[in-house]
PDB file of N, CA and C in Angstrom:
ATOM      1  N   UNK A   1       0.843  -1.178   0.000  1.00  0.00           N
ATOM      2  CA  UNK A   1       0.000   0.000   0.000  1.00  0.00           C
ATOM      3  C   UNK A   1       0.897   1.254   0.000  1.00  0.00           C
ATOM      4  N   UNK A   2       0.785   2.084  -1.001  1.00  0.00           N
ATOM      5  CA  UNK A   2       1.629   3.286  -1.051  1.00  0.00           C
ATOM      6  C   UNK A   2       1.217   4.325  -0.006  1.00  0.00           C
ATOM      7  N   UNK A   3       2.198   5.094   0.414  1.00  0.00           N
ATOM      8  CA  UNK A   3       1.967   6.167   1.376  1.00  0.00           C
ATOM      9  C   UNK A   3       2.067   7.498   0.644  1.00  0.00           C
ATOM     10  N   UNK A   4       1.079   8.333   0.835  1.00  0.00           N
ATOM     11  CA  UNK A   4       1.063   9.644   0.192  1.00  0.00           C
ATOM     12  C   UNK A   4       1.289  10.717   1.248  1.00  0.00           C
ATOM     13  N   UNK A   5       2.294  11.553   1.026  1.00  0.00           N
ATOM     14  CA  UNK A   5       2.562  12.676   1.912  1.00  0.00           C
ATOM     15  C   UNK A   5       2.011  13.921   1.235  1.00  0.00           C
ATOM     16  N   UNK A   6       1.000  14.511   1.853  1.00  0.00           N
ATOM     17  CA  UNK A   6       0.343  15.651   1.233  1.00  0.00           C
ATOM     18  C   UNK A   6       1.020  16.967   1.575  1.00  0.00           C
ATOM     19  N   UNK A   7       1.672  17.017   2.717  1.00  0.00           N
ATOM     20  CA  UNK A   7       2.305  18.265   3.120  1.00  0.00           C
ATOM     21  C   UNK A   7       3.561  17.954   3.908  1.00  0.00           C
ATOM     22  N   UNK A   8       4.636  18.644   3.600  1.00  0.00           N
ATOM     23  CA  UNK A   8       5.893  18.455   4.299  1.00  0.00           C
ATOM     24  C   UNK A   8       6.470  19.823   4.606  1.00  0.00           C
ATOM     25  N   UNK A   9       6.622  20.110   5.891  1.00  0.00           N
ATOM     26  CA  UNK A   9       7.190  21.392   6.314  1.00  0.00           C
ATOM     27  C   UNK A   9       8.532  21.143   6.971  1.00  0.00           C
ATOM     28  N   UNK A  10       9.542  21.857   6.500  1.00  0.00           N
ATOM     29  CA  UNK A  10      10.878  21.748   7.077  1.00  0.00           C
ATOM     30  C   UNK A  10      11.334  23.146   7.455  1.00  0.00           C
ATOM     31  N   UNK A  11      11.710  23.304   8.726  1.00  0.00           N
ATOM     32  CA  UNK A  11      12.228  24.583   9.192  1.00  0.00           C
ATOM     33  C   UNK A  11      13.664  24.391   9.647  1.00  0.00           C
ATOM     34  N   UNK A  12      14.542  25.265   9.204  1.00  0.00           N
ATOM     35  CA  UNK A  12      15.945  25.195   9.572  1.00  0.00           C
ATOM     36  C   UNK A  12      16.382  26.577  10.050  1.00  0.00           C
ATOM     37  N   UNK A  13      16.986  26.610  11.222  1.00  0.00           N
ATOM     38  CA  UNK A  13      17.549  27.853  11.743  1.00  0.00           C
ATOM     39  C   UNK A  13      19.061  27.710  11.805  1.00  0.00           C
ATOM     40  N   UNK A  14      19.753  28.550  11.079  1.00  0.00           N
ATOM     41  CA  UNK A  14      21.204  28.542  11.090  1.00  0.00           C
ATOM     42  C   UNK A  14      21.693  29.831  11.729  1.00  0.00           C
ATOM     43  N   UNK A  15      22.581  29.688  12.687  1.00  0.00           N
ATOM     44  CA  UNK A  15      23.142  30.864  13.350  1.00  0.00           C
ATOM     45  C   UNK A  15      24.583  31.040  12.889  1.00  0.00           C
ATOM     46  N   UNK A  16      24.883  32.187  12.321  1.00  0.00           N
ATOM     47  CA  UNK A  16      26.233  32.498  11.890  1.00  0.00           C
ATOM     48  C   UNK A  16      26.889  33.343  12.963  1.00  0.00           C
ATOM     49  N   UNK A  17      28.012  32.869  13.478  1.00  0.00           N
ATOM     50  CA  UNK A  17      28.679  33.580  14.574  1.00  0.00           C
ATOM     51  C   UNK A  17      29.497  34.767  14.076  1.00  0.00           C
ATOM     52  N   UNK A  18      29.647  34.932  12.796  1.00  0.00           N
ATOM     53  CA  UNK A  18      30.302  36.116  12.267  1.00  0.00           C
ATOM     54  C   UNK A  18      31.744  35.924  11.876  1.00  0.00           C
ATOM     55  N   UNK A  19      32.250  34.713  11.790  1.00  0.00           N
ATOM     56  CA  UNK A  19      33.601  34.551  11.283  1.00  0.00           C
ATOM     57  C   UNK A  19      34.450  33.563  12.039  1.00  0.00           C
ATOM     58  N   UNK A  20      34.272  33.428  13.329  1.00  0.00           N
ATOM     59  CA  UNK A  20      35.084  32.494  14.096  1.00  0.00           C
ATOM     60  C   UNK A  20      34.549  31.080  13.981  1.00  0.00           C
ATOM     61  N   UNK A  21      35.446  30.116  14.007  1.00  0.00           N
ATOM     62  CA  UNK A  21      35.018  28.720  13.980  1.00  0.00           C
ATOM     63  C   UNK A  21      34.778  28.262  15.404  1.00  0.00           C
ATOM     64  N   UNK A  22      33.559  27.947  15.724  1.00  0.00           N
ATOM     65  CA  UNK A  22      33.234  27.469  17.061  1.00  0.00           C
ATOM     66  C   UNK A  22      32.785  26.025  16.941  1.00  0.00           C
ATOM     67  N   UNK A  23      33.666  25.108  17.320  1.00  0.00           N
ATOM     68  CA  UNK A  23      33.338  23.697  17.197  1.00  0.00           C
ATOM     69  C   UNK A  23      32.390  23.257  18.298  1.00  0.00           C
ATOM     70  N   UNK A  24      32.461  23.893  19.455  1.00  0.00           N
ATOM     71  CA  UNK A  24      31.593  23.503  20.565  1.00  0.00           C
ATOM     72  C   UNK A  24      30.129  23.747  20.219  1.00  0.00           C
ATOM     73  N   UNK A  25      29.815  24.893  19.675  1.00  0.00           N
ATOM     74  CA  UNK A  25      28.447  25.208  19.295  1.00  0.00           C
ATOM     75  C   UNK A  25      27.943  24.316  18.183  1.00  0.00           C
ATOM     76  N   UNK A  26      28.801  24.016  17.224  1.00  0.00           N
ATOM     77  CA  UNK A  26      28.375  23.168  16.116  1.00  0.00           C
ATOM     78  C   UNK A  26      28.185  21.728  16.571  1.00  0.00           C
ATOM     79  N   UNK A  27      28.967  21.273  17.556  1.00  0.00           N
ATOM     80  CA  UNK A  27      28.774  19.929  18.103  1.00  0.00           C
ATOM     81  C   UNK A  27      27.398  19.819  18.755  1.00  0.00           C
ATOM     82  N   UNK A  28      27.031  20.829  19.546  1.00  0.00           N
ATOM     83  CA  UNK A  28      25.714  20.832  20.181  1.00  0.00           C
ATOM     84  C   UNK A  28      24.608  20.858  19.126  1.00  0.00           C
ATOM     85  N   UNK A  29      24.807  21.652  18.096  1.00  0.00           N
ATOM     86  CA  UNK A  29      23.808  21.739  17.029  1.00  0.00           C
ATOM     87  C   UNK A  29      23.693  20.412  16.292  1.00  0.00           C
ATOM     88  N   UNK A  30      24.828  19.762  16.052  1.00  0.00           N
ATOM     89  CA  UNK A  30      24.804  18.458  15.372  1.00  0.00           C
ATOM     90  C   UNK A  30      24.093  17.412  16.213  1.00  0.00           C
ATOM     91  N   UNK A  31      24.348  17.414  17.515  1.00  0.00           N
ATOM     92  CA  UNK A  31      23.684  16.458  18.399  1.00  0.00           C
ATOM     93  C   UNK A  31      22.178  16.717  18.429  1.00  0.00           C
ATOM     94  N   UNK A  32      21.792  17.972  18.492  1.00  0.00           N
ATOM     95  CA  UNK A  32      20.374  18.321  18.506  1.00  0.00           C
ATOM     96  C   UNK A  32      19.712  17.909  17.190  1.00  0.00           C
ATOM     97  N   UNK A  33      20.419  18.132  16.096  1.00  0.00           N
ATOM     98  CA  UNK A  33      19.877  17.774  14.788  1.00  0.00           C
ATOM     99  C   UNK A  33      19.731  16.256  14.669  1.00  0.00           C
ATOM    100  N   UNK A  34      20.724  15.511  15.135  1.00  0.00           N
ATOM    101  CA  UNK A  34      20.637  14.051  15.070  1.00  0.00           C
ATOM    102  C   UNK A  34      19.498  13.529  15.934  1.00  0.00           C
ATOM    103  N   UNK A  35      19.310  14.122  17.104  1.00  0.00           N
ATOM    104  CA  UNK A  35      18.212  13.704  17.978  1.00  0.00           C
ATOM    105  C   UNK A  35      16.863  13.991  17.311  1.00  0.00           C
ATOM    106  N   UNK A  36      16.751  15.145  16.676  1.00  0.00           N
ATOM    107  CA  UNK A  36      15.523  15.497  15.966  1.00  0.00           C
ATOM    108  C   UNK A  36      15.249  14.512  14.837  1.00  0.00           C
ATOM    109  N   UNK A  37      16.275  14.169  14.090  1.00  0.00           N
ATOM    110  CA  UNK A  37      16.124  13.225  12.981  1.00  0.00           C
ATOM    111  C   UNK A  37      15.667  11.872  13.511  1.00  0.00           C
ATOM    112  N   UNK A  38      16.281  11.416  14.610  1.00  0.00           N
ATOM    113  CA  UNK A  38      15.883  10.132  15.198  1.00  0.00           C
ATOM    114  C   UNK A  38      14.418  10.161  15.624  1.00  0.00           C
ATOM    115  N   UNK A  39      14.005  11.262  16.222  1.00  0.00           N
ATOM    116  CA  UNK A  39      12.623  11.393  16.675  1.00  0.00           C
ATOM    117  C   UNK A  39      11.658  11.357  15.495  1.00  0.00           C
ATOM    118  N   UNK A  40      11.981  12.063  14.443  1.00  0.00           N
ATOM    119  CA  UNK A  40      11.113  12.103  13.262  1.00  0.00           C
ATOM    120  C   UNK A  40      11.024  10.720  12.614  1.00  0.00           C
ATOM    121  N   UNK A  41      12.161  10.038  12.506  1.00  0.00           N
ATOM    122  CA  UNK A  41      12.167   8.703  11.908  1.00  0.00           C
ATOM    123  C   UNK A  41      11.307   7.753  12.736  1.00  0.00           C
ATOM    124  N   UNK A  42      11.437   7.819  14.059  1.00  0.00           N
ATOM    125  CA  UNK A  42      10.629   6.962  14.922  1.00  0.00           C
ATOM    126  C   UNK A  42       9.140   7.244  14.744  1.00  0.00           C
ATOM    127  N   UNK A  43       8.768   8.518  14.670  1.00  0.00           N
ATOM    128  CA  UNK A  43       7.360   8.877  14.474  1.00  0.00           C
ATOM    129  C   UNK A  43       6.833   8.350  13.137  1.00  0.00           C
ATOM    130  N   UNK A  44       7.621   8.493  12.085  1.00  0.00           N
ATOM    131  CA  UNK A  44       7.204   8.023  10.760  1.00  0.00           C
ATOM    132  C   UNK A  44       7.032   6.511  10.776  1.00  0.00           C
ATOM    133  N   UNK A  45       7.987   5.798  11.376  1.00  0.00           N
ATOM    134  CA  UNK A  45       7.875   4.341  11.462  1.00  0.00           C
ATOM    135  C   UNK A  45       6.666   3.929  12.285  1.00  0.00           C
ATOM    136  N   UNK A  46       6.390   4.670  13.337  1.00  0.00           N
ATOM    137  CA  UNK A  46       5.216   4.403  14.172  1.00  0.00           C
ATOM    138  C   UNK A  46       3.932   4.543  13.354  1.00  0.00           C
ATOM    139  N   UNK A  47       3.862   5.580  12.543  1.00  0.00           N
ATOM    140  CA  UNK A  47       2.681   5.803  11.694  1.00  0.00           C
ATOM    141  C   UNK A  47       2.550   4.688  10.669  1.00  0.00           C
ATOM    142  N   UNK A  48       3.665   4.283  10.073  1.00  0.00           N
ATOM    143  CA  UNK A  48       3.642   3.215   9.074  1.00  0.00           C
ATOM    144  C   UNK A  48       3.166   1.919   9.728  1.00  0.00           C
ATOM    145  N   UNK A  49       3.675   1.617  10.909  1.00  0.00           N
ATOM    146  CA  UNK A  49       3.266   0.390  11.598  1.00  0.00           C
ATOM    147  C   UNK A  49       1.772   0.416  11.940  1.00  0.00           C
ATOM    148  N   UNK A  50       1.292   1.579  12.362  1.00  0.00           N
ATOM    149  CA  UNK A  50      -0.125   1.663  12.718  1.00  0.00           C
ATOM    150  C   UNK A  50      -1.012   1.492  11.478  1.00  0.00           C
ATOM    151  N   UNK A  51      -0.557   1.945  10.332  1.00  0.00           N
ATOM    152  CA  UNK A  51      -1.324   1.771   9.094  1.00  0.00           C
ATOM    153  C   UNK A  51      -1.293   0.314   8.647  1.00  0.00           C
ATOM    154  N   UNK A  52      -0.174  -0.385   8.906  1.00  0.00           N
ATOM    155  CA  UNK A  52      -0.087  -1.795   8.550  1.00  0.00           C
ATOM    156  C   UNK A  52      -1.026  -2.648   9.394  1.00  0.00           C
ATOM    157  N   UNK A  53      -1.267  -2.233  10.628  1.00  0.00           N
ATOM    158  CA  UNK A  53      -2.128  -2.983  11.540  1.00  0.00           C
ATOM    159  C   UNK A  53      -3.596  -2.896  11.144  1.00  0.00           C
ATOM    160  N   UNK A  54      -3.979  -1.878  10.449  1.00  0.00           N
ATOM    161  CA  UNK A  54      -5.377  -1.688  10.078  1.00  0.00           C
ATOM    162  C   UNK A  54      -5.847  -2.676   9.075  1.00  0.00           C
TER     163      UNK A  54
END
């Protein structure tokens, strides 16, 4: 059974520090982004599983 996505919203906020390389801030941002991706993937899989059960 195909899945149709009717609407997809993606919001990205990028903060530019103005020239200096700050690895600490980017590490935190990368971790936050990875956690968000994991959460979204889990939600999508949950929805797919619930549709399979029907």
